[in-house]
Full PDB file with SEQRES, HELIX, SHEET, SSBOND, CRYST1, ORIGX, SCALE, CONECT and MASTER records, all heavy atoms in Angstrom:
SEQRES   1 A   42  LYS ALA PHE TYR VAL VAL SER GLY LEU ILE ILE GLN ALA          
SEQRES   2 A   42  LEU ILE LEU LEU LEU PHE LEU PHE TYR PHE SER ARG GLN          
SEQRES   3 A   42  PHE ILE LEU ILE TYR TYR LEU MET VAL ILE LEU SER ALA          
SEQRES   4 A   42  ILE VAL ALA                                                  
HELIX    1 AA1 ALA A    2  GLN A   26  1                                  25    
HELIX    2 AA2 ILE A   28  VAL A   41  1                                  14    
CRYST1    1.000    1.000    1.000  90.00  90.00  90.00 P 1           1          
ORIGX1      1.000000  0.000000  0.000000        0.00000                         
ORIGX2      0.000000  1.000000  0.000000        0.00000                         
ORIGX3      0.000000  0.000000  1.000000        0.00000                         
SCALE1      1.000000  0.000000  0.000000        0.00000                         
SCALE2      0.000000  1.000000  0.000000        0.00000                         
SCALE3      0.000000  0.000000  1.000000        0.00000                         
ATOM      1  N   LYS A   1      78.436  63.501-179.165  1.00  0.00           N  
ATOM      2  CA  LYS A   1      77.526  64.515-179.690  1.00  0.00           C  
ATOM      3  C   LYS A   1      76.309  63.864-180.332  1.00  0.00           C  
ATOM      4  O   LYS A   1      75.199  64.403-180.272  1.00  0.00           O  
ATOM      5  CB  LYS A   1      78.252  65.396-180.706  1.00  0.00           C  
ATOM      6  CG  LYS A   1      77.399  66.529-181.252  1.00  0.00           C  
ATOM      7  CD  LYS A   1      78.188  67.409-182.194  1.00  0.00           C  
ATOM      8  CE  LYS A   1      77.309  68.519-182.755  1.00  0.00           C  
ATOM      9  NZ  LYS A   1      78.052  69.424-183.660  1.00  0.00           N  
ATOM     10  N   ALA A   2      76.506  62.700-180.927  1.00  0.00           N  
ATOM     11  CA  ALA A   2      75.395  61.996-181.572  1.00  0.00           C  
ATOM     12  C   ALA A   2      74.300  61.686-180.561  1.00  0.00           C  
ATOM     13  O   ALA A   2      73.112  61.899-180.828  1.00  0.00           O  
ATOM     14  CB  ALA A   2      75.896  60.705-182.217  1.00  0.00           C  
ATOM     15  N   PHE A   3      74.682  61.185-179.387  1.00  0.00           N  
ATOM     16  CA  PHE A   3      73.698  60.882-178.348  1.00  0.00           C  
ATOM     17  C   PHE A   3      73.014  62.161-177.866  1.00  0.00           C  
ATOM     18  O   PHE A   3      71.797  62.194-177.674  1.00  0.00           O  
ATOM     19  CB  PHE A   3      74.382  60.183-177.162  1.00  0.00           C  
ATOM     20  CG  PHE A   3      73.464  59.943-175.996  1.00  0.00           C  
ATOM     21  CD1 PHE A   3      72.522  58.929-176.036  1.00  0.00           C  
ATOM     22  CD2 PHE A   3      73.533  60.752-174.871  1.00  0.00           C  
ATOM     23  CE1 PHE A   3      71.660  58.717-174.966  1.00  0.00           C  
ATOM     24  CE2 PHE A   3      72.679  60.546-173.793  1.00  0.00           C  
ATOM     25  CZ  PHE A   3      71.740  59.526-173.851  1.00  0.00           C  
ATOM     26  N   TYR A   4      73.784  63.220-177.722  1.00  0.00           N  
ATOM     27  CA  TYR A   4      73.246  64.498-177.265  1.00  0.00           C  
ATOM     28  C   TYR A   4      72.208  65.041-178.245  1.00  0.00           C  
ATOM     29  O   TYR A   4      71.113  65.457-177.857  1.00  0.00           O  
ATOM     30  CB  TYR A   4      74.406  65.485-177.100  1.00  0.00           C  
ATOM     31  CG  TYR A   4      74.014  66.933-176.971  1.00  0.00           C  
ATOM     32  CD1 TYR A   4      73.377  67.421-175.833  1.00  0.00           C  
ATOM     33  CD2 TYR A   4      74.310  67.835-177.999  1.00  0.00           C  
ATOM     34  CE1 TYR A   4      73.034  68.758-175.722  1.00  0.00           C  
ATOM     35  CE2 TYR A   4      73.967  69.168-177.896  1.00  0.00           C  
ATOM     36  CZ  TYR A   4      73.330  69.621-176.758  1.00  0.00           C  
ATOM     37  OH  TYR A   4      72.988  70.945-176.648  1.00  0.00           O  
ATOM     38  N   VAL A   5      72.517  64.997-179.533  1.00  0.00           N  
ATOM     39  CA  VAL A   5      71.612  65.545-180.554  1.00  0.00           C  
ATOM     40  C   VAL A   5      70.365  64.680-180.694  1.00  0.00           C  
ATOM     41  O   VAL A   5      69.234  65.182-180.672  1.00  0.00           O  
ATOM     42  CB  VAL A   5      72.342  65.669-181.909  1.00  0.00           C  
ATOM     43  CG1 VAL A   5      71.355  66.027-183.018  1.00  0.00           C  
ATOM     44  CG2 VAL A   5      73.442  66.722-181.835  1.00  0.00           C  
ATOM     45  N   VAL A   6      70.561  63.375-180.858  1.00  0.00           N  
ATOM     46  CA  VAL A   6      69.427  62.472-181.085  1.00  0.00           C  
ATOM     47  C   VAL A   6      68.481  62.447-179.878  1.00  0.00           C  
ATOM     48  O   VAL A   6      67.260  62.541-180.031  1.00  0.00           O  
ATOM     49  CB  VAL A   6      69.928  61.052-181.411  1.00  0.00           C  
ATOM     50  CG1 VAL A   6      68.749  60.076-181.480  1.00  0.00           C  
ATOM     51  CG2 VAL A   6      70.680  61.052-182.732  1.00  0.00           C  
ATOM     52  N   SER A   7      69.047  62.329-178.680  1.00  0.00           N  
ATOM     53  CA  SER A   7      68.199  62.300-177.482  1.00  0.00           C  
ATOM     54  C   SER A   7      67.464  63.617-177.302  1.00  0.00           C  
ATOM     55  O   SER A   7      66.290  63.642-176.901  1.00  0.00           O  
ATOM     56  CB  SER A   7      69.041  61.990-176.246  1.00  0.00           C  
ATOM     57  OG  SER A   7      70.059  62.957-176.051  1.00  0.00           O  
ATOM     58  N   GLY A   8      68.121  64.736-177.611  1.00  0.00           N  
ATOM     59  CA  GLY A   8      67.468  66.037-177.509  1.00  0.00           C  
ATOM     60  C   GLY A   8      66.291  66.153-178.461  1.00  0.00           C  
ATOM     61  O   GLY A   8      65.226  66.677-178.095  1.00  0.00           O  
ATOM     62  N   LEU A   9      66.454  65.644-179.686  1.00  0.00           N  
ATOM     63  CA  LEU A   9      65.369  65.682-180.666  1.00  0.00           C  
ATOM     64  C   LEU A   9      64.199  64.804-180.223  1.00  0.00           C  
ATOM     65  O   LEU A   9      63.035  65.193-180.358  1.00  0.00           O  
ATOM     66  CB  LEU A   9      65.890  65.219-182.030  1.00  0.00           C  
ATOM     67  CG  LEU A   9      66.829  66.176-182.763  1.00  0.00           C  
ATOM     68  CD1 LEU A   9      67.395  65.509-184.006  1.00  0.00           C  
ATOM     69  CD2 LEU A   9      66.105  67.460-183.142  1.00  0.00           C  
ATOM     70  N   ILE A  10      64.500  63.622-179.713  1.00  0.00           N  
ATOM     71  CA  ILE A  10      63.444  62.713-179.264  1.00  0.00           C  
ATOM     72  C   ILE A  10      62.654  63.327-178.108  1.00  0.00           C  
ATOM     73  O   ILE A  10      61.414  63.290-178.087  1.00  0.00           O  
ATOM     74  CB  ILE A  10      64.046  61.359-178.853  1.00  0.00           C  
ATOM     75  CG1 ILE A  10      64.595  60.628-180.083  1.00  0.00           C  
ATOM     76  CG2 ILE A  10      62.995  60.490-178.154  1.00  0.00           C  
ATOM     77  CD1 ILE A  10      65.360  59.361-179.760  1.00  0.00           C  
ATOM     78  N   ILE A  11      63.365  63.910-177.148  1.00  0.00           N  
ATOM     79  CA  ILE A  11      62.697  64.527-175.997  1.00  0.00           C  
ATOM     80  C   ILE A  11      61.801  65.678-176.442  1.00  0.00           C  
ATOM     81  O   ILE A  11      60.646  65.798-176.003  1.00  0.00           O  
ATOM     82  CB  ILE A  11      63.739  65.008-174.970  1.00  0.00           C  
ATOM     83  CG1 ILE A  11      64.429  63.802-174.308  1.00  0.00           C  
ATOM     84  CG2 ILE A  11      63.089  65.890-173.900  1.00  0.00           C  
ATOM     85  CD1 ILE A  11      65.631  64.174-173.471  1.00  0.00           C  
ATOM     86  N   GLN A  12      62.319  66.538-177.344  1.00  0.00           N  
ATOM     87  CA  GLN A  12      61.514  67.658-177.834  1.00  0.00           C  
ATOM     88  C   GLN A  12      60.271  67.171-178.563  1.00  0.00           C  
ATOM     89  O   GLN A  12      59.176  67.715-178.380  1.00  0.00           O  
ATOM     90  CB  GLN A  12      62.353  68.536-178.770  1.00  0.00           C  
ATOM     91  CG  GLN A  12      63.420  69.353-178.066  1.00  0.00           C  
ATOM     92  CD  GLN A  12      64.145  70.251-179.039  1.00  0.00           C  
ATOM     93  OE1 GLN A  12      63.572  71.173-179.602  1.00  0.00           O  
ATOM     94  NE2 GLN A  12      65.414  69.963-179.253  1.00  0.00           N  
ATOM     95  N   ALA A  13      60.442  66.147-179.404  1.00  0.00           N  
ATOM     96  CA  ALA A  13      59.302  65.625-180.164  1.00  0.00           C  
ATOM     97  C   ALA A  13      58.247  65.034-179.234  1.00  0.00           C  
ATOM     98  O   ALA A  13      57.040  65.259-179.425  1.00  0.00           O  
ATOM     99  CB  ALA A  13      59.793  64.577-181.162  1.00  0.00           C  
ATOM    100  N   LEU A  14      58.677  64.303-178.223  1.00  0.00           N  
ATOM    101  CA  LEU A  14      57.729  63.707-177.280  1.00  0.00           C  
ATOM    102  C   LEU A  14      56.984  64.773-176.486  1.00  0.00           C  
ATOM    103  O   LEU A  14      55.766  64.668-176.293  1.00  0.00           O  
ATOM    104  CB  LEU A  14      58.469  62.766-176.322  1.00  0.00           C  
ATOM    105  CG  LEU A  14      58.964  61.439-176.924  1.00  0.00           C  
ATOM    106  CD1 LEU A  14      59.786  60.668-175.896  1.00  0.00           C  
ATOM    107  CD2 LEU A  14      57.791  60.597-177.406  1.00  0.00           C  
ATOM    108  N   ILE A  15      57.706  65.796-176.047  1.00  0.00           N  
ATOM    109  CA  ILE A  15      57.059  66.877-175.299  1.00  0.00           C  
ATOM    110  C   ILE A  15      56.010  67.574-176.159  1.00  0.00           C  
ATOM    111  O   ILE A  15      54.893  67.860-175.713  1.00  0.00           O  
ATOM    112  CB  ILE A  15      58.104  67.891-174.787  1.00  0.00           C  
ATOM    113  CG1 ILE A  15      58.970  67.240-173.693  1.00  0.00           C  
ATOM    114  CG2 ILE A  15      57.427  69.147-174.253  1.00  0.00           C  
ATOM    115  CD1 ILE A  15      60.141  68.110-173.260  1.00  0.00           C  
ATOM    116  N   LEU A  16      56.368  67.841-177.416  1.00  0.00           N  
ATOM    117  CA  LEU A  16      55.435  68.506-178.327  1.00  0.00           C  
ATOM    118  C   LEU A  16      54.189  67.659-178.551  1.00  0.00           C  
ATOM    119  O   LEU A  16      53.054  68.165-178.471  1.00  0.00           O  
ATOM    120  CB  LEU A  16      56.126  68.798-179.667  1.00  0.00           C  
ATOM    121  CG  LEU A  16      55.242  69.409-180.761  1.00  0.00           C  
ATOM    122  CD1 LEU A  16      54.744  70.785-180.337  1.00  0.00           C  
ATOM    123  CD2 LEU A  16      55.988  69.489-182.083  1.00  0.00           C  
ATOM    124  N   LEU A  17      54.394  66.364-178.837  1.00  0.00           N  
ATOM    125  CA  LEU A  17      53.254  65.490-179.103  1.00  0.00           C  
ATOM    126  C   LEU A  17      52.372  65.328-177.865  1.00  0.00           C  
ATOM    127  O   LEU A  17      51.140  65.329-177.960  1.00  0.00           O  
ATOM    128  CB  LEU A  17      53.749  64.126-179.581  1.00  0.00           C  
ATOM    129  CG  LEU A  17      54.407  64.112-180.974  1.00  0.00           C  
ATOM    130  CD1 LEU A  17      54.950  62.730-181.306  1.00  0.00           C  
ATOM    131  CD2 LEU A  17      53.418  64.554-182.050  1.00  0.00           C  
ATOM    132  N   LEU A  18      52.988  65.182-176.685  1.00  0.00           N  
ATOM    133  CA  LEU A  18      52.210  65.070-175.446  1.00  0.00           C  
ATOM    134  C   LEU A  18      51.436  66.354-175.169  1.00  0.00           C  
ATOM    135  O   LEU A  18      50.271  66.326-174.730  1.00  0.00           O  
ATOM    136  CB  LEU A  18      53.140  64.755-174.271  1.00  0.00           C  
ATOM    137  CG  LEU A  18      53.712  63.335-174.236  1.00  0.00           C  
ATOM    138  CD1 LEU A  18      54.775  63.212-173.135  1.00  0.00           C  
ATOM    139  CD2 LEU A  18      52.600  62.309-174.013  1.00  0.00           C  
ATOM    140  N   PHE A  19      52.063  67.487-175.446  1.00  0.00           N  
ATOM    141  CA  PHE A  19      51.417  68.782-175.255  1.00  0.00           C  
ATOM    142  C   PHE A  19      50.187  68.899-176.158  1.00  0.00           C  
ATOM    143  O   PHE A  19      49.090  69.270-175.711  1.00  0.00           O  
ATOM    144  CB  PHE A  19      52.427  69.891-175.558  1.00  0.00           C  
ATOM    145  CG  PHE A  19      51.860  71.276-175.445  1.00  0.00           C  
ATOM    146  CD1 PHE A  19      51.759  71.920-174.221  1.00  0.00           C  
ATOM    147  CD2 PHE A  19      51.427  71.961-176.586  1.00  0.00           C  
ATOM    148  CE1 PHE A  19      51.235  73.194-174.129  1.00  0.00           C  
ATOM    149  CE2 PHE A  19      50.906  73.235-176.505  1.00  0.00           C  
ATOM    150  CZ  PHE A  19      50.819  73.851-175.271  1.00  0.00           C  
ATOM    151  N   LEU A  20      50.360  68.557-177.430  1.00  0.00           N  
ATOM    152  CA  LEU A  20      49.253  68.646-178.378  1.00  0.00           C  
ATOM    153  C   LEU A  20      48.154  67.637-178.028  1.00  0.00           C  
ATOM    154  O   LEU A  20      46.957  67.943-178.113  1.00  0.00           O  
ATOM    155  CB  LEU A  20      49.775  68.401-179.798  1.00  0.00           C  
ATOM    156  CG  LEU A  20      50.707  69.468-180.374  1.00  0.00           C  
ATOM    157  CD1 LEU A  20      51.245  69.028-181.725  1.00  0.00           C  
ATOM    158  CD2 LEU A  20      49.984  70.802-180.508  1.00  0.00           C  
ATOM    159  N   PHE A  21      48.566  66.436-177.648  1.00  0.00           N  
ATOM    160  CA  PHE A  21      47.589  65.401-177.304  1.00  0.00           C  
ATOM    161  C   PHE A  21      46.762  65.817-176.090  1.00  0.00           C  
ATOM    162  O   PHE A  21      45.535  65.667-176.075  1.00  0.00           O  
ATOM    163  CB  PHE A  21      48.318  64.081-177.035  1.00  0.00           C  
ATOM    164  CG  PHE A  21      47.411  62.949-176.667  1.00  0.00           C  
ATOM    165  CD1 PHE A  21      46.672  62.292-177.646  1.00  0.00           C  
ATOM    166  CD2 PHE A  21      47.268  62.541-175.347  1.00  0.00           C  
ATOM    167  CE1 PHE A  21      45.829  61.241-177.309  1.00  0.00           C  
ATOM    168  CE2 PHE A  21      46.420  61.506-174.999  1.00  0.00           C  
ATOM    169  CZ  PHE A  21      45.700  60.858-175.986  1.00  0.00           C  
ATOM    170  N   TYR A  22      47.431  66.353-175.081  1.00  0.00           N  
ATOM    171  CA  TYR A  22      46.729  66.743-173.848  1.00  0.00           C  
ATOM    172  C   TYR A  22      45.698  67.831-174.136  1.00  0.00           C  
ATOM    173  O   TYR A  22      44.525  67.718-173.741  1.00  0.00           O  
ATOM    174  CB  TYR A  22      47.742  67.238-172.819  1.00  0.00           C  
ATOM    175  CG  TYR A  22      47.097  67.825-171.588  1.00  0.00           C  
ATOM    176  CD1 TYR A  22      46.568  67.016-170.584  1.00  0.00           C  
ATOM    177  CD2 TYR A  22      46.996  69.211-171.439  1.00  0.00           C  
ATOM    178  CE1 TYR A  22      45.962  67.555-169.460  1.00  0.00           C  
ATOM    179  CE2 TYR A  22      46.390  69.766-170.313  1.00  0.00           C  
ATOM    180  CZ  TYR A  22      45.877  68.936-169.331  1.00  0.00           C  
ATOM    181  OH  TYR A  22      45.282  69.483-168.231  1.00  0.00           O  
ATOM    182  N   PHE A  23      46.096  68.880-174.814  1.00  0.00           N  
ATOM    183  CA  PHE A  23      45.187  69.999-175.050  1.00  0.00           C  
ATOM    184  C   PHE A  23      44.074  69.636-176.032  1.00  0.00           C  
ATOM    185  O   PHE A  23      42.960  70.167-175.927  1.00  0.00           O  
ATOM    186  CB  PHE A  23      45.959  71.226-175.531  1.00  0.00           C  
ATOM    187  CG  PHE A  23      46.596  72.000-174.417  1.00  0.00           C  
ATOM    188  CD1 PHE A  23      47.916  71.778-174.072  1.00  0.00           C  
ATOM    189  CD2 PHE A  23      45.871  72.932-173.690  1.00  0.00           C  
ATOM    190  CE1 PHE A  23      48.509  72.479-173.026  1.00  0.00           C  
ATOM    191  CE2 PHE A  23      46.452  73.637-172.650  1.00  0.00           C  
ATOM    192  CZ  PHE A  23      47.774  73.409-172.309  1.00  0.00           C  
ATOM    193  N   SER A  24      44.378  68.746-176.975  1.00  0.00           N  
ATOM    194  CA  SER A  24      43.317  68.337-177.912  1.00  0.00           C  
ATOM    195  C   SER A  24      42.265  67.484-177.222  1.00  0.00           C  
ATOM    196  O   SER A  24      41.102  67.465-177.627  1.00  0.00           O  
ATOM    197  CB  SER A  24      43.930  67.568-179.096  1.00  0.00           C  
ATOM    198  OG  SER A  24      44.507  66.353-178.655  1.00  0.00           O  
ATOM    199  N   ARG A  25      42.666  66.759-176.169  1.00  0.00           N  
ATOM    200  CA  ARG A  25      41.712  65.960-175.407  1.00  0.00           C  
ATOM    201  C   ARG A  25      40.939  66.796-174.399  1.00  0.00           C  
ATOM    202  O   ARG A  25      39.757  66.557-174.138  1.00  0.00           O  
ATOM    203  CB  ARG A  25      42.464  64.835-174.667  1.00  0.00           C  
ATOM    204  CG  ARG A  25      43.065  63.787-175.587  1.00  0.00           C  
ATOM    205  CD  ARG A  25      42.014  62.939-176.275  1.00  0.00           C  
ATOM    206  NE  ARG A  25      41.206  62.197-175.323  1.00  0.00           N  
ATOM    207  CZ  ARG A  25      41.495  60.988-174.883  1.00  0.00           C  
ATOM    208  NH1 ARG A  25      42.585  60.379-175.295  1.00  0.00           N  
ATOM    209  NH2 ARG A  25      40.700  60.379-174.032  1.00  0.00           N  
ATOM    210  N   GLN A  26      41.597  67.800-173.825  1.00  0.00           N  
ATOM    211  CA  GLN A  26      40.974  68.616-172.799  1.00  0.00           C  
ATOM    212  C   GLN A  26      40.061  69.698-173.381  1.00  0.00           C  
ATOM    213  O   GLN A  26      39.069  70.080-172.776  1.00  0.00           O  
ATOM    214  CB  GLN A  26      42.057  69.280-171.925  1.00  0.00           C  
ATOM    215  CG  GLN A  26      42.872  68.294-171.114  1.00  0.00           C  
ATOM    216  CD  GLN A  26      42.041  67.561-170.076  1.00  0.00           C  
ATOM    217  OE1 GLN A  26      41.178  68.157-169.426  1.00  0.00           O  
ATOM    218  NE2 GLN A  26      42.290  66.259-169.917  1.00  0.00           N  
ATOM    219  N   PHE A  27      40.421  70.169-174.555  1.00  0.00           N  
ATOM    220  CA  PHE A  27      39.662  71.276-175.157  1.00  0.00           C  
ATOM    221  C   PHE A  27      39.248  70.866-176.565  1.00  0.00           C  
ATOM    222  O   PHE A  27      40.083  70.820-177.478  1.00  0.00           O  
ATOM    223  CB  PHE A  27      40.499  72.553-175.192  1.00  0.00           C  
ATOM    224  CG  PHE A  27      40.994  72.965-173.835  1.00  0.00           C  
ATOM    225  CD1 PHE A  27      42.295  72.642-173.435  1.00  0.00           C  
ATOM    226  CD2 PHE A  27      40.182  73.653-172.938  1.00  0.00           C  
ATOM    227  CE1 PHE A  27      42.766  73.007-172.180  1.00  0.00           C  
ATOM    228  CE2 PHE A  27      40.649  74.018-171.690  1.00  0.00           C  
ATOM    229  CZ  PHE A  27      41.943  73.696-171.299  1.00  0.00           C  
ATOM    230  N   ILE A  28      37.994  70.548-176.740  1.00  0.00           N  
ATOM    231  CA  ILE A  28      37.488  70.050-178.016  1.00  0.00           C  
ATOM    232  C   ILE A  28      37.682  71.057-179.139  1.00  0.00           C  
ATOM    233  O   ILE A  28      37.905  70.686-180.297  1.00  0.00           O  
ATOM    234  CB  ILE A  28      35.988  69.657-177.884  1.00  0.00           C  
ATOM    235  CG1 ILE A  28      35.563  68.821-179.094  1.00  0.00           C  
ATOM    236  CG2 ILE A  28      35.114  70.884-177.701  1.00  0.00           C  
ATOM    237  CD1 ILE A  28      36.214  67.466-179.133  1.00  0.00           C  
ATOM    238  N   LEU A  29      37.656  72.355-178.808  1.00  0.00           N  
ATOM    239  CA  LEU A  29      37.862  73.392-179.820  1.00  0.00           C  
ATOM    240  C   LEU A  29      39.265  73.284-180.416  1.00  0.00           C  
ATOM    241  O   LEU A  29      39.440  73.398-181.640  1.00  0.00           O  
ATOM    242  CB  LEU A  29      37.648  74.775-179.206  1.00  0.00           C  
ATOM    243  CG  LEU A  29      37.889  75.964-180.157  1.00  0.00           C  
ATOM    244  CD1 LEU A  29      36.933  75.897-181.346  1.00  0.00           C  
ATOM    245  CD2 LEU A  29      37.733  77.288-179.413  1.00  0.00           C  
ATOM    246  N   ILE A  30      40.245  73.068-179.549  1.00  0.00           N  
ATOM    247  CA  ILE A  30      41.623  72.928-180.030  1.00  0.00           C  
ATOM    248  C   ILE A  30      41.746  71.712-180.937  1.00  0.00           C  
ATOM    249  O   ILE A  30      42.433  71.745-181.968  1.00  0.00           O  
ATOM    250  CB  ILE A  30      42.600  72.834-178.838  1.00  0.00           C  
ATOM    251  CG1 ILE A  30      42.647  74.170-178.095  1.00  0.00           C  
ATOM    252  CG2 ILE A  30      43.998  72.423-179.305  1.00  0.00           C  
ATOM    253  CD1 ILE A  30      43.546  74.171-176.886  1.00  0.00           C  
ATOM    254  N   TYR A  31      41.065  70.631-180.577  1.00  0.00           N  
ATOM    255  CA  TYR A  31      41.086  69.420-181.408  1.00  0.00           C  
ATOM    256  C   TYR A  31      40.609  69.727-182.829  1.00  0.00           C  
ATOM    257  O   TYR A  31      41.270  69.379-183.817  1.00  0.00           O  
ATOM    258  CB  TYR A  31      40.207  68.351-180.761  1.00  0.00           C  
ATOM    259  CG  TYR A  31      40.018  67.117-181.613  1.00  0.00           C  
ATOM    260  CD1 TYR A  31      40.926  66.077-181.594  1.00  0.00           C  
ATOM    261  CD2 TYR A  31      38.895  67.003-182.447  1.00  0.00           C  
ATOM    262  CE1 TYR A  31      40.746  64.956-182.379  1.00  0.00           C  
ATOM    263  CE2 TYR A  31      38.704  65.880-183.241  1.00  0.00           C  
ATOM    264  CZ  TYR A  31      39.632  64.854-183.195  1.00  0.00           C  
ATOM    265  OH  TYR A  31      39.456  63.746-183.985  1.00  0.00           O  
ATOM    266  N   TYR A  32      39.439  70.386-182.915  1.00  0.00           N  
ATOM    267  CA  TYR A  32      38.893  70.679-184.240  1.00  0.00           C  
ATOM    268  C   TYR A  32      39.743  71.699-184.995  1.00  0.00           C  
ATOM    269  O   TYR A  32      39.881  71.615-186.225  1.00  0.00           O  
ATOM    270  CB  TYR A  32      37.443  71.144-184.129  1.00  0.00           C  
ATOM    271  CG  TYR A  32      36.484  70.015-183.839  1.00  0.00           C  
ATOM    272  CD1 TYR A  32      35.794  69.943-182.632  1.00  0.00           C  
ATOM    273  CD2 TYR A  32      36.268  69.010-184.785  1.00  0.00           C  
ATOM    274  CE1 TYR A  32      34.925  68.894-182.361  1.00  0.00           C  
ATOM    275  CE2 TYR A  32      35.398  67.966-184.524  1.00  0.00           C  
ATOM    276  CZ  TYR A  32      34.738  67.904-183.318  1.00  0.00           C  
ATOM    277  OH  TYR A  32      33.887  66.851-183.067  1.00  0.00           O  
ATOM    278  N   LEU A  33      40.313  72.646-184.273  1.00  0.00           N  
ATOM    279  CA  LEU A  33      41.197  73.616-184.927  1.00  0.00           C  
ATOM    280  C   LEU A  33      42.422  72.929-185.532  1.00  0.00           C  
ATOM    281  O   LEU A  33      42.861  73.272-186.638  1.00  0.00           O  
ATOM    282  CB  LEU A  33      41.639  74.692-183.929  1.00  0.00           C  
ATOM    283  CG  LEU A  33      40.583  75.729-183.544  1.00  0.00           C  
ATOM    284  CD1 LEU A  33      41.118  76.648-182.452  1.00  0.00           C  
ATOM    285  CD2 LEU A  33      40.144  76.549-184.764  1.00  0.00           C  
ATOM    286  N   MET A  34      42.958  71.950-184.837  1.00  0.00           N  
ATOM    287  CA  MET A  34      44.123  71.221-185.344  1.00  0.00           C  
ATOM    288  C   MET A  34      43.752  70.360-186.550  1.00  0.00           C  
ATOM    289  O   MET A  34      44.536  70.238-187.495  1.00  0.00           O  
ATOM    290  CB  MET A  34      44.736  70.379-184.228  1.00  0.00           C  
ATOM    291  CG  MET A  34      45.404  71.221-183.142  1.00  0.00           C  
ATOM    292  SD  MET A  34      45.917  70.265-181.705  1.00  0.00           S  
ATOM    293  CE  MET A  34      47.165  69.226-182.429  1.00  0.00           C  
ATOM    294  N   VAL A  35      42.564  69.764-186.513  1.00  0.00           N  
ATOM    295  CA  VAL A  35      42.108  68.976-187.662  1.00  0.00           C  
ATOM    296  C   VAL A  35      41.901  69.881-188.864  1.00  0.00           C  
ATOM    297  O   VAL A  35      42.286  69.542-189.995  1.00  0.00           O  
ATOM    298  CB  VAL A  35      40.812  68.214-187.317  1.00  0.00           C  
ATOM    299  CG1 VAL A  35      40.216  67.582-188.575  1.00  0.00           C  
ATOM    300  CG2 VAL A  35      41.075  67.152-186.264  1.00  0.00           C  
ATOM    301  N   ILE A  36      41.301  71.064-188.633  1.00  0.00           N  
ATOM    302  CA  ILE A  36      41.095  72.029-189.728  1.00  0.00           C  
ATOM    303  C   ILE A  36      42.442  72.488-190.285  1.00  0.00           C  
ATOM    304  O   ILE A  36      42.626  72.598-191.498  1.00  0.00           O  
ATOM    305  CB  ILE A  36      40.255  73.221-189.230  1.00  0.00           C  
ATOM    306  CG1 ILE A  36      38.824  72.777-188.934  1.00  0.00           C  
ATOM    307  CG2 ILE A  36      40.263  74.348-190.259  1.00  0.00           C  
ATOM    308  CD1 ILE A  36      38.000  73.826-188.226  1.00  0.00           C  
ATOM    309  N   LEU A  37      43.404  72.749-189.379  1.00  0.00           N  
ATOM    310  CA  LEU A  37      44.742  73.135-189.818  1.00  0.00           C  
ATOM    311  C   LEU A  37      45.353  72.057-190.706  1.00  0.00           C  
ATOM    312  O   LEU A  37      45.926  72.356-191.764  1.00  0.00           O  
ATOM    313  CB  LEU A  37      45.641  73.379-188.611  1.00  0.00           C  
ATOM    314  CG  LEU A  37      47.132  73.642-188.912  1.00  0.00           C  
ATOM    315  CD1 LEU A  37      47.294  74.932-189.695  1.00  0.00           C  
ATOM    316  CD2 LEU A  37      47.958  73.681-187.627  1.00  0.00           C  
ATOM    317  N   SER A  38      45.208  70.802-190.299  1.00  0.00           N  
ATOM    318  CA  SER A  38      45.750  69.701-191.098  1.00  0.00           C  
ATOM    319  C   SER A  38      45.089  69.638-192.472  1.00  0.00           C  
ATOM    320  O   SER A  38      45.755  69.394-193.485  1.00  0.00           O  
ATOM    321  CB  SER A  38      45.557  68.367-190.359  1.00  0.00           C  
ATOM    322  OG  SER A  38      46.359  68.313-189.203  1.00  0.00           O  
ATOM    323  N   ALA A  39      43.777  69.858-192.513  1.00  0.00           N  
ATOM    324  CA  ALA A  39      43.065  69.838-193.795  1.00  0.00           C  
ATOM    325  C   ALA A  39      43.554  70.952-194.706  1.00  0.00           C  
ATOM    326  O   ALA A  39      43.783  70.748-195.903  1.00  0.00           O  
ATOM    327  CB  ALA A  39      41.566  69.962-193.555  1.00  0.00           C  
ATOM    328  N   ILE A  40      43.745  72.160-194.145  1.00  0.00           N  
ATOM    329  CA  ILE A  40      44.238  73.294-194.937  1.00  0.00           C  
ATOM    330  C   ILE A  40      45.651  73.016-195.456  1.00  0.00           C  
ATOM    331  O   ILE A  40      45.969  73.259-196.628  1.00  0.00           O  
ATOM    332  CB  ILE A  40      44.214  74.584-194.088  1.00  0.00           C  
ATOM    333  CG1 ILE A  40      42.772  74.980-193.775  1.00  0.00           C  
ATOM    334  CG2 ILE A  40      44.949  75.716-194.805  1.00  0.00           C  
ATOM    335  CD1 ILE A  40      42.660  76.122-192.779  1.00  0.00           C  
ATOM    336  N   VAL A  41      46.488  72.472-194.562  1.00  0.00           N  
ATOM    337  CA  VAL A  41      47.868  72.149-194.961  1.00  0.00           C  
ATOM    338  C   VAL A  41      47.877  71.115-196.083  1.00  0.00           C  
ATOM    339  O   VAL A  41      48.643  71.223-197.047  1.00  0.00           O  
ATOM    340  CB  VAL A  41      48.678  71.645-193.749  1.00  0.00           C  
ATOM    341  CG1 VAL A  41      50.016  71.051-194.200  1.00  0.00           C  
ATOM    342  CG2 VAL A  41      48.922  72.768-192.755  1.00  0.00           C  
ATOM    343  N   ALA A  42      47.020  70.094-195.993  1.00  0.00           N  
ATOM    344  CA  ALA A  42      46.942  69.056-197.027  1.00  0.00           C  
ATOM    345  C   ALA A  42      46.551  69.659-198.374  1.00  0.00           C  
ATOM    346  O   ALA A  42      47.105  69.288-199.415  1.00  0.00           O  
ATOM    347  CB  ALA A  42      45.944  67.979-196.618  1.00  0.00           C  
TER     348      ALA A  42                                                      
MASTER        0    0    0    2    0    0    0    6  347    1    0    4          
END                                                                             
């Protein structure tokens, strides 16, 4: 179960980060929106 849980978390995290990275590079508006979101969260 440890391998199942840990590998599942790693795969989900990588997919999320790749998804965000791709759209932030392809669409400049999304990039700035994410930076603004980070500033608000901080």
